[in-house]
């Protein structure tokens, strides 16, 4: 009987602001950290990595031989790679 009373008191203490409150703060901190990490990646890292805003005009080399297409691409400072 005494053990049951102690368990009930421990549960009541946790829900009043003990461990449950700390767990809620921890999850909030994790959520905020994930949001900040996402914003860092989205606004700073990825635009620099992908060269956001830069564009290259690629000439149309369809229906050309590989050698002709290579010379056209080299004139535009591009590299031709022969595929399988």
N, C-alpha and C. Protein backbone atom coordinates (compact mmCIF):
# COMPACT_ATOMS: atom_id res chain seq x y z
N UNK A 1 0.82 -1.18 0.00
CA UNK A 1 0.00 0.00 0.00
C UNK A 1 0.87 1.26 0.00
N UNK A 2 1.94 1.23 0.78
CA UNK A 2 2.83 2.38 0.86
C UNK A 2 3.55 2.58 -0.47
N UNK A 3 3.93 1.49 -1.14
CA UNK A 3 4.61 1.57 -2.43
C UNK A 3 3.71 2.21 -3.48
N UNK A 4 2.44 1.84 -3.49
CA UNK A 4 1.49 2.41 -4.43
C UNK A 4 1.35 3.92 -4.21
N UNK A 5 1.31 4.34 -2.97
CA UNK A 5 1.22 5.75 -2.64
C UNK A 5 2.45 6.50 -3.13
N UNK A 6 3.63 5.92 -2.96
CA UNK A 6 4.88 6.55 -3.39
C UNK A 6 4.92 6.69 -4.92
N UNK A 7 4.46 5.69 -5.62
CA UNK A 7 4.43 5.73 -7.08
C UNK A 7 3.47 6.80 -7.55
N UNK A 8 2.32 6.92 -6.92
CA UNK A 8 1.36 7.94 -7.30
C UNK A 8 1.91 9.34 -7.04
N UNK A 9 2.62 9.52 -5.94
CA UNK A 9 3.22 10.83 -5.66
C UNK A 9 4.31 11.17 -6.67
N UNK A 10 5.10 10.18 -7.07
CA UNK A 10 6.16 10.41 -8.05
C UNK A 10 5.57 10.81 -9.40
N UNK A 11 4.51 10.15 -9.78
CA UNK A 11 3.86 10.51 -11.05
C UNK A 11 3.29 11.92 -10.99
N UNK A 12 2.68 12.27 -9.88
CA UNK A 12 2.10 13.60 -9.72
C UNK A 12 3.20 14.67 -9.76
N UNK A 13 4.35 14.39 -9.14
CA UNK A 13 5.44 15.36 -9.13
C UNK A 13 5.99 15.57 -10.53
N UNK A 14 6.09 14.51 -11.30
CA UNK A 14 6.61 14.64 -12.66
C UNK A 14 5.68 15.47 -13.54
N UNK A 15 4.39 15.27 -13.41
CA UNK A 15 3.46 16.00 -14.26
C UNK A 15 3.27 17.44 -13.81
N UNK A 16 3.62 17.77 -12.56
CA UNK A 16 3.48 19.13 -12.06
C UNK A 16 4.58 20.05 -12.53
N UNK A 17 5.63 19.56 -13.09
CA UNK A 17 6.69 20.45 -13.53
C UNK A 17 8.05 19.83 -13.38
N UNK A 18 8.10 18.58 -13.11
CA UNK A 18 9.38 17.90 -12.96
C UNK A 18 9.92 17.46 -14.30
N UNK A 19 10.03 16.17 -14.51
CA UNK A 19 10.67 15.62 -15.71
C UNK A 19 9.89 15.90 -16.99
N UNK A 20 8.57 15.93 -16.89
CA UNK A 20 7.77 16.18 -18.10
C UNK A 20 8.06 17.58 -18.62
N UNK A 21 8.20 18.53 -17.73
CA UNK A 21 8.49 19.92 -18.13
C UNK A 21 9.88 20.01 -18.77
N UNK A 22 10.85 19.31 -18.21
CA UNK A 22 12.20 19.31 -18.77
C UNK A 22 12.20 18.64 -20.14
N UNK A 23 11.47 17.58 -20.29
CA UNK A 23 11.39 16.88 -21.57
C UNK A 23 10.78 17.79 -22.64
N UNK A 24 9.77 18.57 -22.26
CA UNK A 24 9.13 19.50 -23.20
C UNK A 24 10.12 20.56 -23.65
N UNK A 25 10.92 21.09 -22.72
CA UNK A 25 11.93 22.08 -23.08
C UNK A 25 12.99 21.49 -23.99
N UNK A 26 13.37 20.25 -23.73
CA UNK A 26 14.38 19.60 -24.56
C UNK A 26 13.87 19.43 -25.99
N UNK A 27 12.62 19.01 -26.15
CA UNK A 27 12.06 18.85 -27.50
C UNK A 27 11.94 20.20 -28.20
N UNK A 28 11.61 21.23 -27.46
CA UNK A 28 11.54 22.56 -28.05
C UNK A 28 12.92 23.02 -28.52
N UNK A 29 13.94 22.75 -27.72
CA UNK A 29 15.31 23.11 -28.09
C UNK A 29 15.75 22.35 -29.34
N UNK A 30 15.40 21.08 -29.43
CA UNK A 30 15.75 20.28 -30.62
C UNK A 30 15.03 20.83 -31.84
N UNK A 31 13.77 21.18 -31.69
CA UNK A 31 13.00 21.72 -32.80
C UNK A 31 13.58 23.05 -33.29
N UNK A 32 13.92 23.92 -32.36
CA UNK A 32 14.51 25.22 -32.72
C UNK A 32 15.86 25.02 -33.40
N UNK A 33 16.66 24.07 -32.90
CA UNK A 33 17.96 23.79 -33.52
C UNK A 33 17.79 23.27 -34.95
N UNK A 34 16.80 22.43 -35.18
CA UNK A 34 16.55 21.92 -36.53
C UNK A 34 16.11 23.04 -37.47
N UNK A 35 15.27 23.94 -36.99
CA UNK A 35 14.83 25.07 -37.81
C UNK A 35 16.03 25.96 -38.17
N UNK A 36 16.88 26.24 -37.19
CA UNK A 36 18.06 27.06 -37.45
C UNK A 36 19.01 26.37 -38.43
N UNK A 37 19.19 25.06 -38.30
CA UNK A 37 20.04 24.31 -39.22
C UNK A 37 19.46 24.37 -40.63
N UNK A 38 18.15 24.22 -40.76
CA UNK A 38 17.51 24.30 -42.07
C UNK A 38 17.73 25.68 -42.70
N UNK A 39 17.52 26.74 -41.92
CA UNK A 39 17.70 28.08 -42.45
C UNK A 39 19.15 28.34 -42.86
N UNK A 40 20.09 27.85 -42.07
CA UNK A 40 21.50 27.99 -42.42
C UNK A 40 21.80 27.30 -43.75
N UNK A 41 21.32 26.08 -43.91
CA UNK A 41 21.57 25.34 -45.14
C UNK A 41 20.86 26.00 -46.33
N UNK A 42 19.62 26.43 -46.13
CA UNK A 42 18.81 26.96 -47.22
C UNK A 42 19.28 28.34 -47.68
N UNK A 43 19.67 29.19 -46.75
CA UNK A 43 19.99 30.57 -47.09
C UNK A 43 21.46 30.83 -47.37
N UNK A 44 22.36 30.03 -46.79
CA UNK A 44 23.78 30.34 -46.92
C UNK A 44 24.54 29.24 -47.67
N UNK A 45 24.44 28.02 -47.20
CA UNK A 45 25.29 26.94 -47.74
C UNK A 45 24.87 26.55 -49.16
N UNK A 46 23.61 26.24 -49.36
CA UNK A 46 23.18 25.75 -50.67
C UNK A 46 23.30 26.79 -51.79
N UNK A 47 22.96 28.06 -51.57
CA UNK A 47 23.18 29.03 -52.66
C UNK A 47 24.65 29.15 -53.06
N UNK A 48 25.55 29.06 -52.11
CA UNK A 48 26.98 29.12 -52.43
C UNK A 48 27.43 27.86 -53.15
N UNK A 49 26.92 26.71 -52.71
CA UNK A 49 27.33 25.43 -53.29
C UNK A 49 26.80 25.24 -54.70
N UNK A 50 25.59 25.67 -54.96
CA UNK A 50 24.98 25.47 -56.28
C UNK A 50 25.16 26.64 -57.21
N UNK A 51 25.86 27.69 -56.77
CA UNK A 51 26.07 28.90 -57.57
C UNK A 51 24.73 29.47 -58.03
N UNK A 52 23.85 29.65 -57.08
CA UNK A 52 22.49 30.14 -57.33
C UNK A 52 22.54 31.49 -58.05
N UNK A 53 21.74 31.62 -59.09
CA UNK A 53 21.65 32.87 -59.82
C UNK A 53 22.56 32.95 -61.03
N UNK A 54 23.46 31.99 -61.20
CA UNK A 54 24.35 31.99 -62.36
C UNK A 54 23.79 31.05 -63.42
N UNK A 55 23.92 31.46 -64.68
CA UNK A 55 23.41 30.65 -65.78
C UNK A 55 24.45 30.59 -66.89
N UNK A 56 24.46 29.48 -67.60
CA UNK A 56 25.35 29.28 -68.74
C UNK A 56 24.49 28.90 -69.94
N UNK A 57 24.69 29.59 -71.05
CA UNK A 57 24.01 29.22 -72.29
C UNK A 57 24.78 28.09 -72.95
N UNK A 58 24.09 26.98 -73.16
CA UNK A 58 24.70 25.81 -73.78
C UNK A 58 24.23 25.75 -75.23
N UNK A 59 25.16 25.71 -76.17
CA UNK A 59 24.76 25.65 -77.58
C UNK A 59 24.12 24.30 -77.92
N UNK A 60 23.25 24.34 -78.93
CA UNK A 60 22.58 23.11 -79.37
C UNK A 60 23.53 22.32 -80.26
N UNK A 61 23.92 21.14 -79.81
CA UNK A 61 24.85 20.30 -80.57
C UNK A 61 24.20 19.00 -81.04
N UNK A 62 22.87 18.97 -81.04
CA UNK A 62 22.20 17.78 -81.52
C UNK A 62 22.42 17.64 -83.03
N UNK A 63 22.45 16.44 -83.49
CA UNK A 63 22.65 16.08 -84.90
C UNK A 63 24.00 16.52 -85.43
N UNK A 64 24.99 16.67 -84.56
CA UNK A 64 26.36 16.99 -84.98
C UNK A 64 27.23 15.78 -84.66
N UNK A 65 28.31 15.64 -85.39
CA UNK A 65 29.26 14.59 -85.05
C UNK A 65 29.95 14.99 -83.73
N UNK A 66 30.57 14.02 -83.10
CA UNK A 66 31.20 14.30 -81.81
C UNK A 66 32.31 15.33 -81.95
N UNK A 67 33.09 15.22 -82.99
CA UNK A 67 34.21 16.16 -83.17
C UNK A 67 33.70 17.59 -83.40
N UNK A 68 32.65 17.73 -84.21
CA UNK A 68 32.08 19.05 -84.46
C UNK A 68 31.47 19.62 -83.17
N UNK A 69 30.74 18.77 -82.46
CA UNK A 69 30.12 19.22 -81.20
C UNK A 69 31.19 19.61 -80.18
N UNK A 70 32.29 18.85 -80.13
CA UNK A 70 33.37 19.17 -79.20
C UNK A 70 33.96 20.55 -79.50
N UNK A 71 34.19 20.83 -80.79
CA UNK A 71 34.78 22.12 -81.13
C UNK A 71 33.82 23.28 -80.81
N UNK A 72 32.52 23.07 -81.04
CA UNK A 72 31.53 24.11 -80.70
C UNK A 72 31.50 24.34 -79.19
N UNK A 73 31.52 23.26 -78.44
CA UNK A 73 31.48 23.39 -76.98
C UNK A 73 32.76 24.02 -76.44
N UNK A 74 33.90 23.69 -77.03
CA UNK A 74 35.16 24.28 -76.57
C UNK A 74 35.22 25.77 -76.85
N UNK A 75 34.56 26.22 -77.93
CA UNK A 75 34.48 27.66 -78.21
C UNK A 75 33.72 28.40 -77.10
N UNK A 76 32.79 27.70 -76.46
CA UNK A 76 32.00 28.29 -75.36
C UNK A 76 32.59 27.92 -73.99
N UNK A 77 33.81 27.44 -73.98
CA UNK A 77 34.54 27.05 -72.76
C UNK A 77 33.80 25.99 -71.96
N UNK A 78 33.25 25.00 -72.69
CA UNK A 78 32.59 23.84 -72.10
C UNK A 78 33.34 22.59 -72.48
N UNK A 79 33.14 21.54 -71.74
CA UNK A 79 33.85 20.29 -71.97
C UNK A 79 32.89 19.25 -72.51
N UNK A 80 33.28 18.58 -73.59
CA UNK A 80 32.45 17.53 -74.18
C UNK A 80 32.89 16.17 -73.63
N UNK A 81 31.91 15.36 -73.28
CA UNK A 81 32.18 14.01 -72.79
C UNK A 81 31.37 13.05 -73.63
N UNK A 82 32.06 12.04 -74.17
CA UNK A 82 31.39 11.06 -75.03
C UNK A 82 30.76 10.00 -74.16
N UNK A 83 29.45 9.84 -74.31
CA UNK A 83 28.72 8.85 -73.52
C UNK A 83 28.57 7.54 -74.26
N UNK A 84 28.07 6.55 -73.53
CA UNK A 84 27.93 5.19 -74.08
C UNK A 84 26.70 5.07 -74.83
